[in-house]
Amino acid sequence: MIRNAVIHITNEQPLLADLYEMPGTRDVSLICTNVRMLDGKKPLFIDHASSVFVFPYLHIRFIEIVAAEATGTLESPVEKPETTVPDQSGNDDSEADLELDEDFLRRIREV
């Protein structure tokens, strides 16, 4: 079960829900349970929060699923940034970029 998925319904406030499984490419509707508002309260249109709900994808803009909640079924879509190793040769190009151009300073003073 995937807990606390945020369902963004067209022209409505987002809802929190628990999904039974990851949405598939051939699905036409989203099946979930424990539907509630973002503040945890029961929406007005729901009689029993523990019911099973079926939302047609036609009315859903998008669904937010936290990667940690979908363990084993979804790898993190965000790639980790590559770390750069500092140059150990002693040639520090970053200091060269910080040096001021004397010709540039002269033109500033003339203005």
PDB file of N, CA and C in Angstrom:
ATOM      1  N   MET A   1       0.854  -1.177   0.000  1.00  0.00           N
ATOM      2  CA  MET A   1       0.000   0.000   0.000  1.00  0.00           C
ATOM      3  C   MET A   1       0.892   1.229   0.000  1.00  0.00           C
ATOM      4  N   ILE A   2       0.541   2.196  -0.813  1.00  0.00           N
ATOM      5  CA  ILE A   2       1.272   3.457  -0.899  1.00  0.00           C
ATOM      6  C   ILE A   2       0.476   4.507  -0.123  1.00  0.00           C
ATOM      7  N   ARG A   3       1.047   4.987   0.946  1.00  0.00           N
ATOM      8  CA  ARG A   3       0.345   5.905   1.838  1.00  0.00           C
ATOM      9  C   ARG A   3       0.644   7.361   1.474  1.00  0.00           C
ATOM     10  N   ASN A   4      -0.325   8.214   1.746  1.00  0.00           N
ATOM     11  CA  ASN A   4      -0.206   9.672   1.623  1.00  0.00           C
ATOM     12  C   ASN A   4       0.135  10.150   0.218  1.00  0.00           C
ATOM     13  N   ALA A   5      -0.478   9.562  -0.785  1.00  0.00           N
ATOM     14  CA  ALA A   5      -0.344  10.085  -2.145  1.00  0.00           C
ATOM     15  C   ALA A   5      -1.254  11.305  -2.264  1.00  0.00           C
ATOM     16  N   VAL A   6      -0.786  12.331  -2.934  1.00  0.00           N
ATOM     17  CA  VAL A   6      -1.570  13.550  -3.114  1.00  0.00           C
ATOM     18  C   VAL A   6      -2.209  13.487  -4.501  1.00  0.00           C
ATOM     19  N   ILE A   7      -3.537  13.526  -4.536  1.00  0.00           N
ATOM     20  CA  ILE A   7      -4.282  13.461  -5.784  1.00  0.00           C
ATOM     21  C   ILE A   7      -4.759  14.866  -6.113  1.00  0.00           C
ATOM     22  N   HIS A   8      -4.334  15.370  -7.262  1.00  0.00           N
ATOM     23  CA  HIS A   8      -4.738  16.703  -7.706  1.00  0.00           C
ATOM     24  C   HIS A   8      -5.865  16.529  -8.719  1.00  0.00           C
ATOM     25  N   ILE A   9      -7.074  16.801  -8.282  1.00  0.00           N
ATOM     26  CA  ILE A   9      -8.253  16.679  -9.129  1.00  0.00           C
ATOM     27  C   ILE A   9      -8.473  18.012  -9.833  1.00  0.00           C
ATOM     28  N   THR A  10      -8.910  17.967 -11.073  1.00  0.00           N
ATOM     29  CA  THR A  10      -9.138  19.171 -11.858  1.00  0.00           C
ATOM     30  C   THR A  10     -10.133  20.100 -11.166  1.00  0.00           C
ATOM     31  N   ASN A  11      -9.749  21.356 -10.996  1.00  0.00           N
ATOM     32  CA  ASN A  11     -10.577  22.415 -10.403  1.00  0.00           C
ATOM     33  C   ASN A  11     -11.036  22.116  -8.974  1.00  0.00           C
ATOM     34  N   GLU A  12     -10.275  21.340  -8.240  1.00  0.00           N
ATOM     35  CA  GLU A  12     -10.588  21.025  -6.838  1.00  0.00           C
ATOM     36  C   GLU A  12      -9.322  21.133  -6.007  1.00  0.00           C
ATOM     37  N   GLN A  13      -9.501  21.140  -4.700  1.00  0.00           N
ATOM     38  CA  GLN A  13      -8.370  21.125  -3.786  1.00  0.00           C
ATOM     39  C   GLN A  13      -7.726  19.728  -3.806  1.00  0.00           C
ATOM     40  N   PRO A  14      -6.416  19.635  -3.587  1.00  0.00           N
ATOM     41  CA  PRO A  14      -5.755  18.325  -3.561  1.00  0.00           C
ATOM     42  C   PRO A  14      -6.275  17.465  -2.404  1.00  0.00           C
ATOM     43  N   LEU A  15      -6.227  16.166  -2.593  1.00  0.00           N
ATOM     44  CA  LEU A  15      -6.663  15.200  -1.589  1.00  0.00           C
ATOM     45  C   LEU A  15      -5.515  14.258  -1.261  1.00  0.00           C
ATOM     46  N   LEU A  16      -5.464  13.806  -0.020  1.00  0.00           N
ATOM     47  CA  LEU A  16      -4.541  12.749   0.382  1.00  0.00           C
ATOM     48  C   LEU A  16      -5.284  11.427   0.328  1.00  0.00           C
ATOM     49  N   ALA A  17      -4.601  10.381  -0.099  1.00  0.00           N
ATOM     50  CA  ALA A  17      -5.232   9.068  -0.153  1.00  0.00           C
ATOM     51  C   ALA A  17      -4.166   7.990  -0.066  1.00  0.00           C
ATOM     52  N   ASP A  18      -4.603   6.778   0.241  1.00  0.00           N
ATOM     53  CA  ASP A  18      -3.728   5.621   0.255  1.00  0.00           C
ATOM     54  C   ASP A  18      -4.053   4.794  -0.983  1.00  0.00           C
ATOM     55  N   LEU A  19      -3.036   4.519  -1.796  1.00  0.00           N
ATOM     56  CA  LEU A  19      -3.224   3.761  -3.021  1.00  0.00           C
ATOM     57  C   LEU A  19      -2.928   2.289  -2.761  1.00  0.00           C
ATOM     58  N   TYR A  20      -3.653   1.410  -3.430  1.00  0.00           N
ATOM     59  CA  TYR A  20      -3.416  -0.020  -3.286  1.00  0.00           C
ATOM     60  C   TYR A  20      -2.166  -0.459  -4.031  1.00  0.00           C
ATOM     61  N   GLU A  21      -1.866   0.209  -5.162  1.00  0.00           N
ATOM     62  CA  GLU A  21      -0.682  -0.114  -5.961  1.00  0.00           C
ATOM     63  C   GLU A  21      -0.320   1.085  -6.814  1.00  0.00           C
ATOM     64  N   MET A  22       0.863   1.020  -7.425  1.00  0.00           N
ATOM     65  CA  MET A  22       1.292   2.090  -8.318  1.00  0.00           C
ATOM     66  C   MET A  22       0.366   2.144  -9.527  1.00  0.00           C
ATOM     67  N   PRO A  23       0.009   3.340  -9.984  1.00  0.00           N
ATOM     68  CA  PRO A  23      -0.811   3.449 -11.193  1.00  0.00           C
ATOM     69  C   PRO A  23      -0.062   2.871 -12.392  1.00  0.00           C
ATOM     70  N   GLY A  24      -0.786   2.144 -13.236  1.00  0.00           N
ATOM     71  CA  GLY A  24      -0.192   1.537 -14.421  1.00  0.00           C
ATOM     72  C   GLY A  24      -0.515   2.323 -15.671  1.00  0.00           C
ATOM     73  N   THR A  25       0.151   1.986 -16.753  1.00  0.00           N
ATOM     74  CA  THR A  25      -0.052   2.702 -18.006  1.00  0.00           C
ATOM     75  C   THR A  25      -1.379   2.353 -18.671  1.00  0.00           C
ATOM     76  N   ARG A  26      -1.949   1.212 -18.357  1.00  0.00           N
ATOM     77  CA  ARG A  26      -3.211   0.794 -18.968  1.00  0.00           C
ATOM     78  C   ARG A  26      -4.422   1.091 -18.086  1.00  0.00           C
ATOM     79  N   ASP A  27      -4.202   1.687 -16.927  1.00  0.00           N
ATOM     80  CA  ASP A  27      -5.311   1.993 -16.020  1.00  0.00           C
ATOM     81  C   ASP A  27      -6.155   3.139 -16.568  1.00  0.00           C
ATOM     82  N   VAL A  28      -7.449   3.098 -16.271  1.00  0.00           N
ATOM     83  CA  VAL A  28      -8.337   4.187 -16.653  1.00  0.00           C
ATOM     84  C   VAL A  28      -8.881   4.917 -15.433  1.00  0.00           C
ATOM     85  N   SER A  29      -8.614   4.359 -14.257  1.00  0.00           N
ATOM     86  CA  SER A  29      -9.073   5.000 -13.023  1.00  0.00           C
ATOM     87  C   SER A  29      -8.099   4.690 -11.895  1.00  0.00           C
ATOM     88  N   LEU A  30      -8.175   5.524 -10.886  1.00  0.00           N
ATOM     89  CA  LEU A  30      -7.330   5.376  -9.702  1.00  0.00           C
ATOM     90  C   LEU A  30      -8.175   4.809  -8.574  1.00  0.00           C
ATOM     91  N   ILE A  31      -7.738   3.700  -7.995  1.00  0.00           N
ATOM     92  CA  ILE A  31      -8.468   3.069  -6.892  1.00  0.00           C
ATOM     93  C   ILE A  31      -7.683   3.340  -5.611  1.00  0.00           C
ATOM     94  N   CYS A  32      -8.361   3.902  -4.619  1.00  0.00           N
ATOM     95  CA  CYS A  32      -7.690   4.279  -3.387  1.00  0.00           C
ATOM     96  C   CYS A  32      -8.650   4.181  -2.204  1.00  0.00           C
ATOM     97  N   THR A  33      -8.129   4.407  -1.021  1.00  0.00           N
ATOM     98  CA  THR A  33      -8.917   4.408   0.204  1.00  0.00           C
ATOM     99  C   THR A  33      -8.374   5.485   1.133  1.00  0.00           C
ATOM    100  N   ASN A  34      -9.056   5.701   2.244  1.00  0.00           N
ATOM    101  CA  ASN A  34      -8.630   6.667   3.253  1.00  0.00           C
ATOM    102  C   ASN A  34      -8.437   8.061   2.647  1.00  0.00           C
ATOM    103  N   VAL A  35      -9.425   8.520   1.911  1.00  0.00           N
ATOM    104  CA  VAL A  35      -9.363   9.838   1.265  1.00  0.00           C
ATOM    105  C   VAL A  35      -9.634  10.917   2.312  1.00  0.00           C
ATOM    106  N   ARG A  36      -8.789  11.942   2.302  1.00  0.00           N
ATOM    107  CA  ARG A  36      -8.929  13.044   3.261  1.00  0.00           C
ATOM    108  C   ARG A  36      -8.333  14.303   2.662  1.00  0.00           C
ATOM    109  N   MET A  37      -8.649  15.428   3.252  1.00  0.00           N
ATOM    110  CA  MET A  37      -8.085  16.706   2.814  1.00  0.00           C
ATOM    111  C   MET A  37      -6.627  16.781   3.287  1.00  0.00           C
ATOM    112  N   LEU A  38      -5.892  17.773   2.824  1.00  0.00           N
ATOM    113  CA  LEU A  38      -4.493  17.904   3.226  1.00  0.00           C
ATOM    114  C   LEU A  38      -4.326  18.138   4.724  1.00  0.00           C
ATOM    115  N   ASP A  39      -5.339  18.719   5.354  1.00  0.00           N
ATOM    116  CA  ASP A  39      -5.275  18.945   6.799  1.00  0.00           C
ATOM    117  C   ASP A  39      -5.744  17.733   7.594  1.00  0.00           C
ATOM    118  N   GLY A  40      -6.098  16.639   6.916  1.00  0.00           N
ATOM    119  CA  GLY A  40      -6.497  15.407   7.594  1.00  0.00           C
ATOM    120  C   GLY A  40      -7.989  15.264   7.823  1.00  0.00           C
ATOM    121  N   LYS A  41      -8.767  16.298   7.511  1.00  0.00           N
ATOM    122  CA  LYS A  41     -10.215  16.233   7.724  1.00  0.00           C
ATOM    123  C   LYS A  41     -10.900  15.507   6.579  1.00  0.00           C
ATOM    124  N   LYS A  42     -12.065  14.965   6.854  1.00  0.00           N
ATOM    125  CA  LYS A  42     -12.857  14.261   5.852  1.00  0.00           C
ATOM    126  C   LYS A  42     -13.523  15.278   4.925  1.00  0.00           C
ATOM    127  N   PRO A  43     -13.413  15.109   3.599  1.00  0.00           N
ATOM    128  CA  PRO A  43     -14.100  16.019   2.675  1.00  0.00           C
ATOM    129  C   PRO A  43     -15.614  15.917   2.819  1.00  0.00           C
ATOM    130  N   LEU A  44     -16.323  16.957   2.431  1.00  0.00           N
ATOM    131  CA  LEU A  44     -17.783  16.987   2.563  1.00  0.00           C
ATOM    132  C   LEU A  44     -18.485  15.931   1.726  1.00  0.00           C
ATOM    133  N   PHE A  45     -17.913  15.573   0.593  1.00  0.00           N
ATOM    134  CA  PHE A  45     -18.581  14.636  -0.307  1.00  0.00           C
ATOM    135  C   PHE A  45     -18.363  13.164   0.059  1.00  0.00           C
ATOM    136  N   ILE A  46     -17.695  12.897   1.175  1.00  0.00           N
ATOM    137  CA  ILE A  46     -17.417  11.523   1.586  1.00  0.00           C
ATOM    138  C   ILE A  46     -18.215  11.197   2.839  1.00  0.00           C
ATOM    139  N   ASP A  47     -18.903  10.052   2.810  1.00  0.00           N
ATOM    140  CA  ASP A  47     -19.643   9.598   3.990  1.00  0.00           C
ATOM    141  C   ASP A  47     -18.768   8.780   4.926  1.00  0.00           C
ATOM    142  N   HIS A  48     -17.989   7.848   4.376  1.00  0.00           N
ATOM    143  CA  HIS A  48     -17.127   6.981   5.176  1.00  0.00           C
ATOM    144  C   HIS A  48     -15.718   7.009   4.591  1.00  0.00           C
ATOM    145  N   ALA A  49     -14.775   7.513   5.338  1.00  0.00           N
ATOM    146  CA  ALA A  49     -13.407   7.661   4.841  1.00  0.00           C
ATOM    147  C   ALA A  49     -12.747   6.315   4.568  1.00  0.00           C
ATOM    148  N   SER A  50     -13.211   5.256   5.212  1.00  0.00           N
ATOM    149  CA  SER A  50     -12.593   3.945   5.019  1.00  0.00           C
ATOM    150  C   SER A  50     -13.116   3.217   3.784  1.00  0.00           C
ATOM    151  N   SER A  51     -14.005   3.826   3.019  1.00  0.00           N
ATOM    152  CA  SER A  51     -14.544   3.216   1.796  1.00  0.00           C
ATOM    153  C   SER A  51     -13.465   3.135   0.723  1.00  0.00           C
ATOM    154  N   VAL A  52     -13.742   2.383  -0.321  1.00  0.00           N
ATOM    155  CA  VAL A  52     -12.862   2.311  -1.485  1.00  0.00           C
ATOM    156  C   VAL A  52     -13.388   3.314  -2.511  1.00  0.00           C
ATOM    157  N   PHE A  53     -12.481   4.128  -3.070  1.00  0.00           N
ATOM    158  CA  PHE A  53     -12.857   5.187  -3.997  1.00  0.00           C
ATOM    159  C   PHE A  53     -12.239   4.923  -5.363  1.00  0.00           C
ATOM    160  N   VAL A  54     -12.993   5.244  -6.398  1.00  0.00           N
ATOM    161  CA  VAL A  54     -12.520   5.104  -7.772  1.00  0.00           C
ATOM    162  C   VAL A  54     -12.621   6.464  -8.440  1.00  0.00           C
ATOM    163  N   PHE A  55     -11.468   7.031  -8.808  1.00  0.00           N
ATOM    164  CA  PHE A  55     -11.424   8.323  -9.489  1.00  0.00           C
ATOM    165  C   PHE A  55     -11.014   8.087 -10.943  1.00  0.00           C
ATOM    166  N   PRO A  56     -11.839   8.462 -11.903  1.00  0.00           N
ATOM    167  CA  PRO A  56     -11.429   8.340 -13.310  1.00  0.00           C
ATOM    168  C   PRO A  56     -10.259   9.282 -13.602  1.00  0.00           C
ATOM    169  N   TYR A  57      -9.299   8.809 -14.370  1.00  0.00           N
ATOM    170  CA  TYR A  57      -8.139   9.640 -14.700  1.00  0.00           C
ATOM    171  C   TYR A  57      -8.535  10.875 -15.499  1.00  0.00           C
ATOM    172  N   LEU A  58      -9.696  10.868 -16.094  1.00  0.00           N
ATOM    173  CA  LEU A  58     -10.194  12.023 -16.824  1.00  0.00           C
ATOM    174  C   LEU A  58     -10.275  13.255 -15.921  1.00  0.00           C
ATOM    175  N   HIS A  59     -10.521  13.050 -14.628  1.00  0.00           N
ATOM    176  CA  HIS A  59     -10.691  14.151 -13.681  1.00  0.00           C
ATOM    177  C   HIS A  59      -9.452  14.420 -12.831  1.00  0.00           C
ATOM    178  N   ILE A  60      -8.385  13.674 -13.051  1.00  0.00           N
ATOM    179  CA  ILE A  60      -7.166  13.847 -12.257  1.00  0.00           C
ATOM    180  C   ILE A  60      -6.119  14.557 -13.096  1.00  0.00           C
ATOM    181  N   ARG A  61      -5.584  15.658 -12.553  1.00  0.00           N
ATOM    182  CA  ARG A  61      -4.511  16.387 -13.239  1.00  0.00           C
ATOM    183  C   ARG A  61      -3.201  15.648 -13.096  1.00  0.00           C
ATOM    184  N   PHE A  62      -2.821  15.330 -11.846  1.00  0.00           N
ATOM    185  CA  PHE A  62      -1.615  14.542 -11.600  1.00  0.00           C
ATOM    186  C   PHE A  62      -1.653  13.990 -10.184  1.00  0.00           C
ATOM    187  N   ILE A  63      -0.752  13.065  -9.908  1.00  0.00           N
ATOM    188  CA  ILE A  63      -0.678  12.406  -8.610  1.00  0.00           C
ATOM    189  C   ILE A  63       0.749  12.537  -8.097  1.00  0.00           C
ATOM    190  N   GLU A  64       0.893  12.960  -6.849  1.00  0.00           N
ATOM    191  CA  GLU A  64       2.205  13.036  -6.207  1.00  0.00           C
ATOM    192  C   GLU A  64       2.385  11.816  -5.319  1.00  0.00           C
ATOM    193  N   ILE A  65       3.448  11.078  -5.553  1.00  0.00           N
ATOM    194  CA  ILE A  65       3.763   9.919  -4.725  1.00  0.00           C
ATOM    195  C   ILE A  65       5.187  10.099  -4.231  1.00  0.00           C
ATOM    196  N   VAL A  66       5.371  10.114  -2.925  1.00  0.00           N
ATOM    197  CA  VAL A  66       6.695  10.251  -2.346  1.00  0.00           C
ATOM    198  C   VAL A  66       7.478   8.982  -2.647  1.00  0.00           C
ATOM    199  N   ALA A  67       8.692   9.133  -3.173  1.00  0.00           N
ATOM    200  CA  ALA A  67       9.487   7.974  -3.573  1.00  0.00           C
ATOM    201  C   ALA A  67       9.732   7.022  -2.407  1.00  0.00           C
ATOM    202  N   ALA A  68       9.886   7.550  -1.206  1.00  0.00           N
ATOM    203  CA  ALA A  68      10.126   6.691  -0.049  1.00  0.00           C
ATOM    204  C   ALA A  68       8.904   5.838   0.283  1.00  0.00           C
ATOM    205  N   GLU A  69       7.715   6.311  -0.049  1.00  0.00           N
ATOM    206  CA  GLU A  69       6.496   5.554   0.212  1.00  0.00           C
ATOM    207  C   GLU A  69       6.320   4.399  -0.755  1.00  0.00           C
ATOM    208  N   ALA A  70       6.909   4.508  -1.921  1.00  0.00           N
ATOM    209  CA  ALA A  70       6.754   3.478  -2.949  1.00  0.00           C
ATOM    210  C   ALA A  70       7.993   2.597  -3.004  1.00  0.00           C
ATOM    211  N   THR A  71       8.499   2.183  -1.870  1.00  0.00           N
ATOM    212  CA  THR A  71       9.723   1.403  -1.823  1.00  0.00           C
ATOM    213  C   THR A  71       9.570   0.109  -2.594  1.00  0.00           C
ATOM    214  N   GLY A  72      10.580  -0.171  -3.392  1.00  0.00           N
ATOM    215  CA  GLY A  72      10.589  -1.391  -4.169  1.00  0.00           C
ATOM    216  C   GLY A  72       9.816  -1.298  -5.467  1.00  0.00           C
ATOM    217  N   THR A  73       8.969  -0.290  -5.626  1.00  0.00           N
ATOM    218  CA  THR A  73       8.196  -0.181  -6.859  1.00  0.00           C
ATOM    219  C   THR A  73       8.598   1.021  -7.689  1.00  0.00           C
ATOM    220  N   LEU A  74       9.355   1.921  -7.103  1.00  0.00           N
ATOM    221  CA  LEU A  74       9.708   3.134  -7.830  1.00  0.00           C
ATOM    222  C   LEU A  74      11.080   3.591  -7.378  1.00  0.00           C
ATOM    223  N   GLU A  75      11.971   3.792  -8.327  1.00  0.00           N
ATOM    224  CA  GLU A  75      13.260   4.360  -7.995  1.00  0.00           C
ATOM    225  C   GLU A  75      13.129   5.872  -8.074  1.00  0.00           C
ATOM    226  N   SER A  76      13.968   6.559  -7.355  1.00  0.00           N
ATOM    227  CA  SER A  76      13.901   8.007  -7.334  1.00  0.00           C
ATOM    228  C   SER A  76      14.137   8.569  -8.729  1.00  0.00           C
ATOM    229  N   PRO A  77      13.201   9.377  -9.274  1.00  0.00           N
ATOM    230  CA  PRO A  77      13.378   9.917 -10.614  1.00  0.00           C
ATOM    231  C   PRO A  77      14.408  11.028 -10.672  1.00  0.00           C
ATOM    232  N   VAL A  78      14.834  11.519  -9.522  1.00  0.00           N
ATOM    233  CA  VAL A  78      15.779  12.615  -9.484  1.00  0.00           C
ATOM    234  C   VAL A  78      17.189  12.036  -9.464  1.00  0.00           C
ATOM    235  N   GLU A  79      17.990  12.438 -10.437  1.00  0.00           N
ATOM    236  CA  GLU A  79      19.357  11.952 -10.479  1.00  0.00           C
ATOM    237  C   GLU A  79      20.190  12.703  -9.464  1.00  0.00           C
ATOM    238  N   LYS A  80      21.100  11.973  -8.830  1.00  0.00           N
ATOM    239  CA  LYS A  80      21.976  12.608  -7.857  1.00  0.00           C
ATOM    240  C   LYS A  80      23.036  13.398  -8.601  1.00  0.00           C
ATOM    241  N   PRO A  81      23.328  14.612  -8.129  1.00  0.00           N
ATOM    242  CA  PRO A  81      24.349  15.407  -8.815  1.00  0.00           C
ATOM    243  C   PRO A  81      25.722  14.765  -8.663  1.00  0.00           C
ATOM    244  N   GLU A  82      26.527  14.898  -9.706  1.00  0.00           N
ATOM    245  CA  GLU A  82      27.872  14.358  -9.648  1.00  0.00           C
ATOM    246  C   GLU A  82      28.730  15.271  -8.785  1.00  0.00           C
ATOM    247  N   THR A  83      29.558  14.657  -7.978  1.00  0.00           N
ATOM    248  CA  THR A  83      30.445  15.447  -7.143  1.00  0.00           C
ATOM    249  C   THR A  83      31.759  15.619  -7.872  1.00  0.00           C
ATOM    250  N   THR A  84      32.330  16.787  -7.756  1.00  0.00           N
ATOM    251  CA  THR A  84      33.605  17.050  -8.396  1.00  0.00           C
ATOM    252  C   THR A  84      34.709  16.931  -7.370  1.00  0.00           C
ATOM    253  N   VAL A  85      35.796  16.366  -7.798  1.00  0.00           N
ATOM    254  CA  VAL A  85      36.953  16.216  -6.924  1.00  0.00           C
ATOM    255  C   VAL A  85      37.850  17.413  -7.153  1.00  0.00           C
ATOM    256  N   PRO A  86      38.255  18.103  -6.078  1.00  0.00           N
ATOM    257  CA  PRO A  86      39.118  19.265  -6.258  1.00  0.00           C
ATOM    258  C   PRO A  86      40.460  18.855  -6.866  1.00  0.00           C
ATOM    259  N   ASP A  87      41.009  19.765  -7.656  1.00  0.00           N
ATOM    260  CA  ASP A  87      42.282  19.532  -8.316  1.00  0.00           C
ATOM    261  C   ASP A  87      43.389  19.543  -7.272  1.00  0.00           C
ATOM    262  N   GLN A  88      44.156  18.453  -7.165  1.00  0.00           N
ATOM    263  CA  GLN A  88      45.211  18.332  -6.159  1.00  0.00           C
ATOM    264  C   GLN A  88      46.556  18.833  -6.681  1.00  0.00           C
ATOM    265  N   SER A  89      46.611  19.282  -7.934  1.00  0.00           N
ATOM    266  CA  SER A  89      47.882  19.688  -8.528  1.00  0.00           C
ATOM    267  C   SER A  89      48.348  21.058  -8.053  1.00  0.00           C
ATOM    268  N   GLY A  90      47.504  21.776  -7.358  1.00  0.00           N
ATOM    269  CA  GLY A  90      47.888  23.096  -6.870  1.00  0.00           C
ATOM    270  C   GLY A  90      47.484  24.213  -7.806  1.00  0.00           C
ATOM    271  N   ASN A  91      47.022  23.887  -9.000  1.00  0.00           N
ATOM    272  CA  ASN A  91      46.562  24.906  -9.943  1.00  0.00           C
ATOM    273  C   ASN A  91      45.104  25.197  -9.659  1.00  0.00           C
ATOM    274  N   ASP A  92      44.843  26.314  -9.028  1.00  0.00           N
ATOM    275  CA  ASP A  92      43.475  26.657  -8.670  1.00  0.00           C
ATOM    276  C   ASP A  92      42.948  27.679  -9.656  1.00  0.00           C
ATOM    277  N   ASP A  93      42.106  27.221 -10.600  1.00  0.00           N
ATOM    278  CA  ASP A  93      41.559  28.106 -11.622  1.00  0.00           C
ATOM    279  C   ASP A  93      40.519  29.054 -11.060  1.00  0.00           C
ATOM    280  N   SER A  94      39.918  28.729  -9.919  1.00  0.00           N
ATOM    281  CA  SER A  94      38.891  29.596  -9.372  1.00  0.00           C
ATOM    282  C   SER A  94      39.469  30.928  -8.910  1.00  0.00           C
ATOM    283  N   GLU A  95      40.714  30.937  -8.429  1.00  0.00           N
ATOM    284  CA  GLU A  95      41.337  32.188  -8.017  1.00  0.00           C
ATOM    285  C   GLU A  95      41.656  33.054  -9.238  1.00  0.00           C
ATOM    286  N   ALA A  96      42.002  32.425 -10.348  1.00  0.00           N
ATOM    287  CA  ALA A  96      42.308  33.182 -11.554  1.00  0.00           C
ATOM    288  C   ALA A  96      41.055  33.892 -12.067  1.00  0.00           C
ATOM    289  N   ASP A  97      39.916  33.280 -11.895  1.00  0.00           N
ATOM    290  CA  ASP A  97      38.672  33.901 -12.328  1.00  0.00           C
ATOM    291  C   ASP A  97      38.305  35.097 -11.462  1.00  0.00           C
ATOM    292  N   LEU A  98      38.778  35.116 -10.227  1.00  0.00           N
ATOM    293  CA  LEU A  98      38.422  36.184  -9.311  1.00  0.00           C
ATOM    294  C   LEU A  98      39.313  37.421  -9.451  1.00  0.00           C
ATOM    295  N   GLU A  99      40.426  37.304 -10.159  1.00  0.00           N
ATOM    296  CA  GLU A  99      41.311  38.446 -10.332  1.00  0.00           C
ATOM    297  C   GLU A  99      40.621  39.484 -11.211  1.00  0.00           C
ATOM    298  N   LEU A 100      40.778  40.750 -10.850  1.00  0.00           N
ATOM    299  CA  LEU A 100      40.148  41.839 -11.588  1.00  0.00           C
ATOM    300  C   LEU A 100      41.032  42.276 -12.748  1.00  0.00           C
ATOM    301  N   ASP A 101      40.403  42.585 -13.845  1.00  0.00           N
ATOM    302  CA  ASP A 101      41.095  43.072 -15.026  1.00  0.00           C
ATOM    303  C   ASP A 101      41.372  44.562 -14.844  1.00  0.00           C
ATOM    304  N   GLU A 102      42.646  44.945 -14.974  1.00  0.00           N
ATOM    305  CA  GLU A 102      43.029  46.341 -14.771  1.00  0.00           C
ATOM    306  C   GLU A 102      42.381  47.254 -15.812  1.00  0.00           C
ATOM    307  N   ASP A 103      42.259  46.792 -17.042  1.00  0.00           N
ATOM    308  CA  ASP A 103      41.625  47.593 -18.090  1.00  0.00           C
ATOM    309  C   ASP A 103      40.149  47.822 -17.767  1.00  0.00           C
ATOM    310  N   PHE A 104      39.504  46.814 -17.223  1.00  0.00           N
ATOM    311  CA  PHE A 104      38.098  46.928 -16.820  1.00  0.00           C
ATOM    312  C   PHE A 104      37.952  47.959 -15.701  1.00  0.00           C
ATOM    313  N   LEU A 105      38.839  47.924 -14.714  1.00  0.00           N
ATOM    314  CA  LEU A 105      38.795  48.895 -13.611  1.00  0.00           C
ATOM    315  C   LEU A 105      39.025  50.319 -14.119  1.00  0.00           C
ATOM    316  N   ARG A 106      39.932  50.484 -15.075  1.00  0.00           N
ATOM    317  CA  ARG A 106      40.206  51.812 -15.633  1.00  0.00           C
ATOM    318  C   ARG A 106      38.965  52.371 -16.321  1.00  0.00           C
ATOM    319  N   ARG A 107      38.246  51.524 -17.085  1.00  0.00           N
ATOM    320  CA  ARG A 107      37.031  51.990 -17.779  1.00  0.00           C
ATOM    321  C   ARG A 107      35.946  52.357 -16.776  1.00  0.00           C
ATOM    322  N   ILE A 108      35.854  51.655 -15.668  1.00  0.00           N
ATOM    323  CA  ILE A 108      34.847  51.983 -14.638  1.00  0.00           C
ATOM    324  C   ILE A 108      35.174  53.337 -14.022  1.00  0.00           C
ATOM    325  N   ARG A 109      36.448  53.592 -13.758  1.00  0.00           N
ATOM    326  CA  ARG A 109      36.839  54.851 -13.132  1.00  0.00           C
ATOM    327  C   ARG A 109      36.564  56.046 -14.044  1.00  0.00           C
ATOM    328  N   GLU A 110      36.660  55.828 -15.364  1.00  0.00           N
ATOM    329  CA  GLU A 110      36.447  56.921 -16.323  1.00  0.00           C
ATOM    330  C   GLU A 110      34.970  57.306 -16.414  1.00  0.00           C
ATOM    331  N   VAL A 111      34.089  56.447 -16.057  1.00  0.00           N
ATOM    332  CA  VAL A 111      32.667  56.739 -16.173  1.00  0.00           C
ATOM    333  C   VAL A 111      32.221  57.569 -15.052  1.00  0.00           C
TER     334      VAL A 111
END
